Amino acid sequence: MNLPNRDKAVVPQKKVVGYLLSSSHRDGRGKAKFFTQFDFSVEAWEELAQALRQHTVDHEIAKLEESPFVTRYVIQGRIIAPDGRTPLIRSVWFIPAGETISQFVTAYPLKRRAS
């Protein structure tokens, strides 16, 4: 099963620049260290946003959780980095109840393929 409406998935600039690639964000700095080692950068934040969108195309949903308010989708697999390497990540997406467009929540590295 693939992420619904993955062609319209939203990855806000603020999430990428202010969180995933922010070395000063309390919760994001470890993620920033990970992603920047593959040449993702704040200056070219769109590269990471596009890699995350492509992640939803290249990989099926690994986990789905539904609540009355939101459906949470977890996707695991490799992304293509600017330096040509393919780090293994997990990305998390929400679709709020009554909506149809996926919203990016977070991404983080995986050391091995999780089941």
Protein backbone atom coordinates (compact mmCIF):
# COMPACT_ATOMS: atom_id res chain seq x y z
CA MET A 1 0.00 0.00 0.00
CA ASN A 2 1.28 3.44 -0.91
CA LEU A 3 0.78 6.79 0.76
CA PRO A 4 -2.55 8.24 -0.44
CA ASN A 5 -2.19 11.21 -2.80
CA ARG A 6 1.59 10.98 -2.53
CA ASP A 7 1.91 13.17 -5.63
CA LYS A 8 0.45 16.03 -3.54
CA ALA A 9 2.37 15.35 -0.31
CA VAL A 10 3.34 18.52 1.55
CA VAL A 11 6.83 19.01 2.97
CA PRO A 12 6.94 22.50 4.54
CA GLN A 13 10.14 24.52 4.27
CA LYS A 14 9.91 25.26 8.01
CA LYS A 15 10.04 21.53 8.85
CA VAL A 16 13.12 20.99 6.69
CA VAL A 17 15.06 24.18 7.47
CA GLY A 18 13.96 24.76 11.07
CA TYR A 19 14.00 21.14 12.19
CA LEU A 20 15.62 18.45 10.03
CA LEU A 21 18.56 20.59 8.95
CA SER A 22 18.82 22.80 12.04
CA SER A 23 21.97 22.21 14.10
CA SER A 24 20.51 24.41 16.85
CA HIS A 25 17.08 22.75 17.19
CA ARG A 26 16.95 20.76 20.44
CA ASP A 27 15.21 17.76 18.88
CA GLY A 28 16.44 18.19 15.31
CA ARG A 29 20.18 18.67 15.69
CA GLY A 30 20.94 14.93 15.60
CA LYS A 31 18.88 14.62 12.43
CA ALA A 32 20.68 17.63 10.98
CA LYS A 33 24.02 15.97 11.65
CA PHE A 34 22.79 12.85 9.86
CA PHE A 35 21.29 14.56 6.80
CA THR A 36 24.11 17.08 6.28
CA GLN A 37 26.70 14.29 6.13
CA PHE A 38 25.01 13.29 2.84
CA ASP A 39 25.29 16.87 1.50
CA PHE A 40 21.73 17.96 2.22
CA SER A 41 21.86 21.65 3.19
CA VAL A 42 19.71 24.52 4.39
CA GLU A 43 20.66 26.51 1.27
CA ALA A 44 19.28 23.74 -0.96
CA TRP A 45 16.51 22.58 1.39
CA GLU A 46 14.30 21.65 -1.58
CA GLU A 47 16.62 18.69 -2.31
CA LEU A 48 15.70 17.08 1.00
CA ALA A 49 12.02 17.95 0.56
CA GLN A 50 12.04 16.31 -2.88
CA ALA A 51 13.93 13.26 -1.57
CA LEU A 52 11.26 12.87 1.13
CA ARG A 53 8.46 13.12 -1.44
CA GLN A 54 10.27 10.56 -3.61
CA HIS A 55 10.57 8.32 -0.55
CA THR A 56 6.76 8.05 -0.57
CA VAL A 57 6.84 6.97 -4.23
CA ASP A 58 9.68 4.47 -3.92
CA HIS A 59 8.50 2.67 -0.78
CA GLU A 60 5.26 1.27 0.53
CA ILE A 61 3.73 2.03 3.91
CA ALA A 62 5.44 0.04 6.67
CA LYS A 63 2.96 0.98 9.39
CA LEU A 64 -0.46 2.63 9.51
CA GLU A 65 -2.18 3.95 12.62
CA GLU A 66 -5.65 5.43 12.62
CA SER A 67 -7.33 7.60 15.23
CA PRO A 68 -10.47 9.74 15.13
CA PHE A 69 -8.29 12.78 14.39
CA VAL A 70 -5.50 11.64 12.09
CA THR A 71 -4.11 8.73 10.12
CA ARG A 72 -0.38 8.24 10.65
CA TYR A 73 1.74 6.61 7.95
CA VAL A 74 5.28 5.33 8.43
CA ILE A 75 7.50 4.66 5.42
CA GLN A 76 10.91 3.01 5.57
CA GLY A 77 13.54 2.75 2.89
CA ARG A 78 16.42 4.46 1.18
CA ILE A 79 16.53 7.99 -0.20
CA ILE A 80 18.93 9.33 -2.78
CA ALA A 81 21.21 11.98 -1.31
CA PRO A 82 22.96 14.80 -3.19
CA ASP A 83 26.30 13.01 -2.75
CA GLY A 84 24.92 9.89 -4.47
CA ARG A 85 24.69 7.73 -1.36
CA THR A 86 21.42 6.13 -0.28
CA PRO A 87 20.86 6.42 3.46
CA LEU A 88 18.16 4.32 5.08
CA ILE A 89 15.46 6.43 6.77
CA ARG A 90 12.01 6.29 8.26
CA SER A 91 9.59 9.08 7.35
CA VAL A 92 6.31 9.83 9.10
CA TRP A 93 3.29 11.45 7.47
CA PHE A 94 -0.16 12.48 8.76
CA ILE A 95 -3.46 12.94 7.02
CA PRO A 96 -5.87 14.79 9.32
CA ALA A 97 -9.41 13.40 9.55
CA GLY A 98 -11.59 14.71 6.74
CA GLU A 99 -8.59 15.66 4.57
CA THR A 100 -6.85 13.84 1.74
CA ILE A 101 -3.39 15.44 1.48
CA SER A 102 -0.40 13.98 3.33
CA GLN A 103 1.57 16.26 5.63
CA PHE A 104 5.20 15.49 6.40
CA VAL A 105 5.89 15.11 10.14
CA THR A 106 9.44 13.84 10.60
CA ALA A 107 12.22 11.65 9.29
CA TYR A 108 15.13 9.98 10.96
CA PRO A 109 17.90 7.51 10.18
CA LEU A 110 17.60 3.77 10.47
CA LYS A 111 20.70 1.69 11.08
CA ARG A 112 19.18 -1.38 9.45
CA ARG A 113 15.96 -2.27 7.72
CA ALA A 114 13.32 -2.44 10.44
CA SER A 115 10.43 -4.82 10.14
